[in-house]
Amino acid sequence: MPSMARLNLDVLGERLRRRRKHQQMTQQALAEVMQIPQSWISALENGKRPHVEADTVYRFSQALGCSIDYLLGITEEPAPTPKRPRPRKAARVG
């Protein structure tokens, strides 16, 4: 069975720090928004957390106004990619 790649928490911590500073937000302010201890954010930013829940990554993306893909290092663009509107089809008559 092939091994599955694990989430790189170093990348997540660095992106989290970068986005937080871009938003001019302290760890304490982010902790208050997230309702988690500031020390938890510090440990994550410094690569000292062994894992993080998907829901927590989602909440970070919401609090920092960026995409989950950015926080995970999948894309370099912090803003979510806008979806293209689908062309509307005329309703059938008859």
N, C-alpha and C. Protein backbone atom coordinates (compact mmCIF):
# COMPACT_ATOMS: atom_id res chain seq x y z
N MET A 1 0.85 -1.18 0.00
CA MET A 1 0.00 0.00 0.00
C MET A 1 0.90 1.24 0.00
N PRO A 2 0.68 2.19 -0.93
CA PRO A 2 1.51 3.39 -0.97
C PRO A 2 1.20 4.27 0.24
N SER A 3 2.25 4.92 0.73
CA SER A 3 2.04 5.80 1.88
C SER A 3 1.44 7.11 1.40
N MET A 4 0.58 7.67 2.23
CA MET A 4 -0.07 8.94 1.91
C MET A 4 0.79 10.07 2.43
N ALA A 5 0.90 11.12 1.65
CA ALA A 5 1.65 12.30 2.09
C ALA A 5 0.89 12.97 3.24
N ARG A 6 1.65 13.49 4.18
CA ARG A 6 1.03 14.17 5.32
C ARG A 6 1.06 15.66 5.09
N LEU A 7 0.16 16.35 5.75
CA LEU A 7 0.09 17.80 5.69
C LEU A 7 1.38 18.38 6.27
N ASN A 8 2.00 19.30 5.55
CA ASN A 8 3.22 19.93 6.02
C ASN A 8 2.84 21.09 6.96
N LEU A 9 2.95 20.83 8.26
CA LEU A 9 2.55 21.84 9.23
C LEU A 9 3.52 23.02 9.29
N ASP A 10 4.75 22.83 8.80
CA ASP A 10 5.69 23.95 8.73
C ASP A 10 5.18 25.00 7.73
N VAL A 11 4.68 24.52 6.59
CA VAL A 11 4.13 25.43 5.58
C VAL A 11 2.89 26.12 6.15
N LEU A 12 2.03 25.36 6.78
CA LEU A 12 0.82 25.93 7.37
C LEU A 12 1.18 27.01 8.40
N GLY A 13 2.13 26.72 9.26
CA GLY A 13 2.53 27.70 10.28
C GLY A 13 3.11 28.96 9.68
N GLU A 14 3.94 28.81 8.65
CA GLU A 14 4.53 29.98 8.00
C GLU A 14 3.47 30.81 7.28
N ARG A 15 2.57 30.16 6.58
CA ARG A 15 1.51 30.87 5.87
C ARG A 15 0.57 31.56 6.86
N LEU A 16 0.30 30.90 7.96
CA LEU A 16 -0.55 31.47 8.99
C LEU A 16 0.09 32.76 9.54
N ARG A 17 1.37 32.68 9.85
CA ARG A 17 2.08 33.85 10.37
C ARG A 17 2.10 34.98 9.34
N ARG A 18 2.40 34.63 8.09
CA ARG A 18 2.49 35.63 7.02
C ARG A 18 1.15 36.35 6.83
N ARG A 19 0.07 35.58 6.79
CA ARG A 19 -1.25 36.18 6.57
C ARG A 19 -1.69 37.00 7.78
N ARG A 20 -1.40 36.49 8.97
CA ARG A 20 -1.77 37.21 10.20
C ARG A 20 -1.07 38.56 10.23
N LYS A 21 0.21 38.59 9.91
CA LYS A 21 0.96 39.85 9.92
C LYS A 21 0.48 40.78 8.81
N HIS A 22 0.14 40.21 7.66
CA HIS A 22 -0.41 41.02 6.56
C HIS A 22 -1.69 41.71 7.00
N GLN A 23 -2.48 41.03 7.80
CA GLN A 23 -3.73 41.60 8.32
C GLN A 23 -3.48 42.50 9.53
N GLN A 24 -2.21 42.67 9.89
CA GLN A 24 -1.80 43.47 11.06
C GLN A 24 -2.53 42.98 12.33
N MET A 25 -2.48 41.68 12.51
CA MET A 25 -3.17 41.04 13.62
C MET A 25 -2.13 40.35 14.51
N THR A 26 -2.27 40.51 15.81
CA THR A 26 -1.39 39.82 16.74
C THR A 26 -1.90 38.39 16.94
N GLN A 27 -1.04 37.56 17.51
CA GLN A 27 -1.48 36.20 17.85
C GLN A 27 -2.64 36.27 18.84
N GLN A 28 -2.55 37.19 19.78
CA GLN A 28 -3.60 37.32 20.79
C GLN A 28 -4.93 37.70 20.16
N ALA A 29 -4.90 38.64 19.21
CA ALA A 29 -6.14 39.06 18.54
C ALA A 29 -6.74 37.90 17.76
N LEU A 30 -5.89 37.15 17.06
CA LEU A 30 -6.38 36.00 16.31
C LEU A 30 -6.94 34.94 17.25
N ALA A 31 -6.27 34.75 18.36
CA ALA A 31 -6.74 33.78 19.36
C ALA A 31 -8.13 34.15 19.88
N GLU A 32 -8.36 35.44 20.07
CA GLU A 32 -9.67 35.88 20.54
C GLU A 32 -10.74 35.62 19.49
N VAL A 33 -10.43 35.91 18.23
CA VAL A 33 -11.39 35.66 17.15
C VAL A 33 -11.68 34.16 17.04
N MET A 34 -10.64 33.35 17.14
CA MET A 34 -10.77 31.91 16.99
C MET A 34 -11.27 31.22 18.26
N GLN A 35 -11.21 31.92 19.37
CA GLN A 35 -11.58 31.37 20.68
C GLN A 35 -10.72 30.16 21.03
N ILE A 36 -9.41 30.34 20.85
CA ILE A 36 -8.42 29.32 21.22
C ILE A 36 -7.28 30.02 21.96
N PRO A 37 -6.46 29.30 22.68
CA PRO A 37 -5.34 29.93 23.39
C PRO A 37 -4.29 30.49 22.43
N GLN A 38 -3.71 31.62 22.78
CA GLN A 38 -2.65 32.24 21.98
C GLN A 38 -1.46 31.31 21.87
N SER A 39 -1.18 30.55 22.92
CA SER A 39 -0.04 29.64 22.90
C SER A 39 -0.20 28.55 21.84
N TRP A 40 -1.44 28.19 21.54
CA TRP A 40 -1.72 27.19 20.51
C TRP A 40 -1.31 27.73 19.15
N ILE A 41 -1.63 29.01 18.89
CA ILE A 41 -1.26 29.65 17.61
C ILE A 41 0.25 29.76 17.52
N SER A 42 0.89 30.14 18.61
CA SER A 42 2.35 30.25 18.63
C SER A 42 3.00 28.91 18.30
N ALA A 43 2.51 27.85 18.92
CA ALA A 43 3.06 26.52 18.67
C ALA A 43 2.87 26.10 17.22
N LEU A 44 1.72 26.41 16.65
CA LEU A 44 1.45 26.07 15.25
C LEU A 44 2.37 26.86 14.32
N GLU A 45 2.52 28.16 14.57
CA GLU A 45 3.38 28.99 13.73
C GLU A 45 4.85 28.57 13.83
N ASN A 46 5.25 28.00 14.94
CA ASN A 46 6.64 27.59 15.14
C ASN A 46 6.87 26.10 14.86
N GLY A 47 5.88 25.44 14.26
CA GLY A 47 6.05 24.04 13.87
C GLY A 47 6.10 23.07 15.02
N LYS A 48 5.47 23.40 16.13
CA LYS A 48 5.52 22.52 17.31
C LYS A 48 4.20 21.80 17.58
N ARG A 49 3.27 21.87 16.62
CA ARG A 49 2.01 21.14 16.77
C ARG A 49 2.12 19.85 15.95
N PRO A 50 1.74 18.72 16.53
CA PRO A 50 1.85 17.46 15.79
C PRO A 50 0.76 17.29 14.72
N HIS A 51 -0.39 17.94 14.90
CA HIS A 51 -1.48 17.83 13.92
C HIS A 51 -2.44 18.99 14.11
N VAL A 52 -3.31 19.16 13.14
CA VAL A 52 -4.35 20.18 13.22
C VAL A 52 -5.59 19.64 12.50
N GLU A 53 -6.73 19.94 13.04
CA GLU A 53 -7.99 19.47 12.46
C GLU A 53 -8.36 20.28 11.22
N ALA A 54 -9.04 19.66 10.28
CA ALA A 54 -9.47 20.34 9.06
C ALA A 54 -10.38 21.51 9.39
N ASP A 55 -11.25 21.34 10.37
CA ASP A 55 -12.15 22.41 10.78
C ASP A 55 -11.38 23.63 11.26
N THR A 56 -10.26 23.40 11.94
CA THR A 56 -9.45 24.51 12.44
C THR A 56 -8.80 25.26 11.29
N VAL A 57 -8.32 24.55 10.28
CA VAL A 57 -7.74 25.21 9.11
C VAL A 57 -8.80 26.06 8.43
N TYR A 58 -10.01 25.53 8.32
CA TYR A 58 -11.12 26.28 7.73
C TYR A 58 -11.38 27.55 8.54
N ARG A 59 -11.42 27.43 9.85
CA ARG A 59 -11.69 28.60 10.70
C ARG A 59 -10.57 29.64 10.58
N PHE A 60 -9.32 29.20 10.46
CA PHE A 60 -8.21 30.14 10.23
C PHE A 60 -8.42 30.88 8.91
N SER A 61 -8.80 30.16 7.87
CA SER A 61 -8.99 30.79 6.56
C SER A 61 -10.10 31.84 6.63
N GLN A 62 -11.15 31.55 7.36
CA GLN A 62 -12.24 32.51 7.51
C GLN A 62 -11.79 33.73 8.31
N ALA A 63 -11.08 33.51 9.40
CA ALA A 63 -10.63 34.60 10.26
C ALA A 63 -9.61 35.51 9.57
N LEU A 64 -8.81 34.93 8.67
CA LEU A 64 -7.75 35.68 8.01
C LEU A 64 -8.10 36.10 6.58
N GLY A 65 -9.30 35.76 6.13
CA GLY A 65 -9.74 36.19 4.80
C GLY A 65 -8.90 35.63 3.67
N CYS A 66 -8.58 34.36 3.75
CA CYS A 66 -7.78 33.74 2.69
C CYS A 66 -8.32 32.34 2.42
N SER A 67 -7.80 31.72 1.39
CA SER A 67 -8.27 30.39 1.04
C SER A 67 -7.52 29.33 1.85
N ILE A 68 -8.15 28.20 1.98
CA ILE A 68 -7.52 27.05 2.62
C ILE A 68 -6.32 26.61 1.79
N ASP A 69 -6.46 26.65 0.47
CA ASP A 69 -5.36 26.28 -0.42
C ASP A 69 -4.12 27.12 -0.15
N TYR A 70 -4.31 28.40 0.12
CA TYR A 70 -3.17 29.26 0.43
C TYR A 70 -2.50 28.82 1.73
N LEU A 71 -3.30 28.61 2.77
CA LEU A 71 -2.73 28.21 4.06
C LEU A 71 -1.99 26.87 3.97
N LEU A 72 -2.45 25.99 3.11
CA LEU A 72 -1.82 24.67 2.98
C LEU A 72 -0.65 24.67 2.01
N GLY A 73 -0.40 25.80 1.33
CA GLY A 73 0.72 25.89 0.41
C GLY A 73 0.42 25.35 -0.98
N ILE A 74 -0.84 25.16 -1.30
CA ILE A 74 -1.22 24.64 -2.61
C ILE A 74 -1.17 25.74 -3.66
N THR A 75 -1.50 26.96 -3.25
CA THR A 75 -1.47 28.11 -4.15
C THR A 75 -0.73 29.26 -3.48
N GLU A 76 -0.23 30.17 -4.30
CA GLU A 76 0.48 31.34 -3.77
C GLU A 76 -0.46 32.53 -3.57
N GLU A 77 -1.66 32.45 -4.11
CA GLU A 77 -2.62 33.54 -4.00
C GLU A 77 -3.46 33.39 -2.74
N PRO A 78 -3.42 34.38 -1.84
CA PRO A 78 -4.21 34.27 -0.62
C PRO A 78 -5.72 34.29 -0.84
N ALA A 79 -6.17 35.07 -1.83
CA ALA A 79 -7.61 35.19 -2.06
C ALA A 79 -8.14 33.95 -2.77
N PRO A 80 -9.32 33.50 -2.40
CA PRO A 80 -9.91 32.36 -3.10
C PRO A 80 -10.12 32.69 -4.58
N THR A 81 -9.99 31.71 -5.43
CA THR A 81 -10.22 31.89 -6.85
C THR A 81 -11.72 32.08 -7.08
N PRO A 82 -12.10 33.20 -7.73
CA PRO A 82 -13.53 33.40 -7.97
C PRO A 82 -14.06 32.38 -8.98
N LYS A 83 -15.26 31.94 -8.74
CA LYS A 83 -15.87 30.98 -9.66
C LYS A 83 -16.41 31.73 -10.87
N ARG A 84 -16.27 31.08 -12.02
CA ARG A 84 -16.84 31.67 -13.23
C ARG A 84 -18.34 31.44 -13.21
N PRO A 85 -19.10 32.48 -13.55
CA PRO A 85 -20.55 32.26 -13.61
C PRO A 85 -20.91 31.35 -14.78
N ARG A 86 -21.82 30.47 -14.54
CA ARG A 86 -22.26 29.59 -15.60
C ARG A 86 -23.25 30.34 -16.48
N PRO A 87 -23.18 30.14 -17.78
CA PRO A 87 -24.15 30.82 -18.65
C PRO A 87 -25.55 30.29 -18.36
N ARG A 88 -26.48 31.20 -18.37
CA ARG A 88 -27.87 30.80 -18.11
C ARG A 88 -28.50 30.30 -19.39
N LYS A 89 -29.25 29.27 -19.25
CA LYS A 89 -29.98 28.73 -20.38
C LYS A 89 -31.42 29.19 -20.30
N ALA A 90 -31.97 29.47 -21.44
CA ALA A 90 -33.37 29.91 -21.48
C ALA A 90 -34.27 28.75 -21.05
N ALA A 91 -35.32 29.10 -20.34
CA ALA A 91 -36.28 28.09 -19.90
C ALA A 91 -37.03 27.56 -21.12
N ARG A 92 -37.33 26.30 -21.07
CA ARG A 92 -38.09 25.69 -22.18
C ARG A 92 -39.51 26.19 -22.15
N VAL A 93 -40.00 26.48 -23.31
CA VAL A 93 -41.37 26.97 -23.46
C VAL A 93 -42.21 25.83 -24.03
N GLY A 94 -43.37 25.66 -23.45
CA GLY A 94 -44.23 24.68 -24.11
C GLY A 94 -44.92 23.79 -23.25
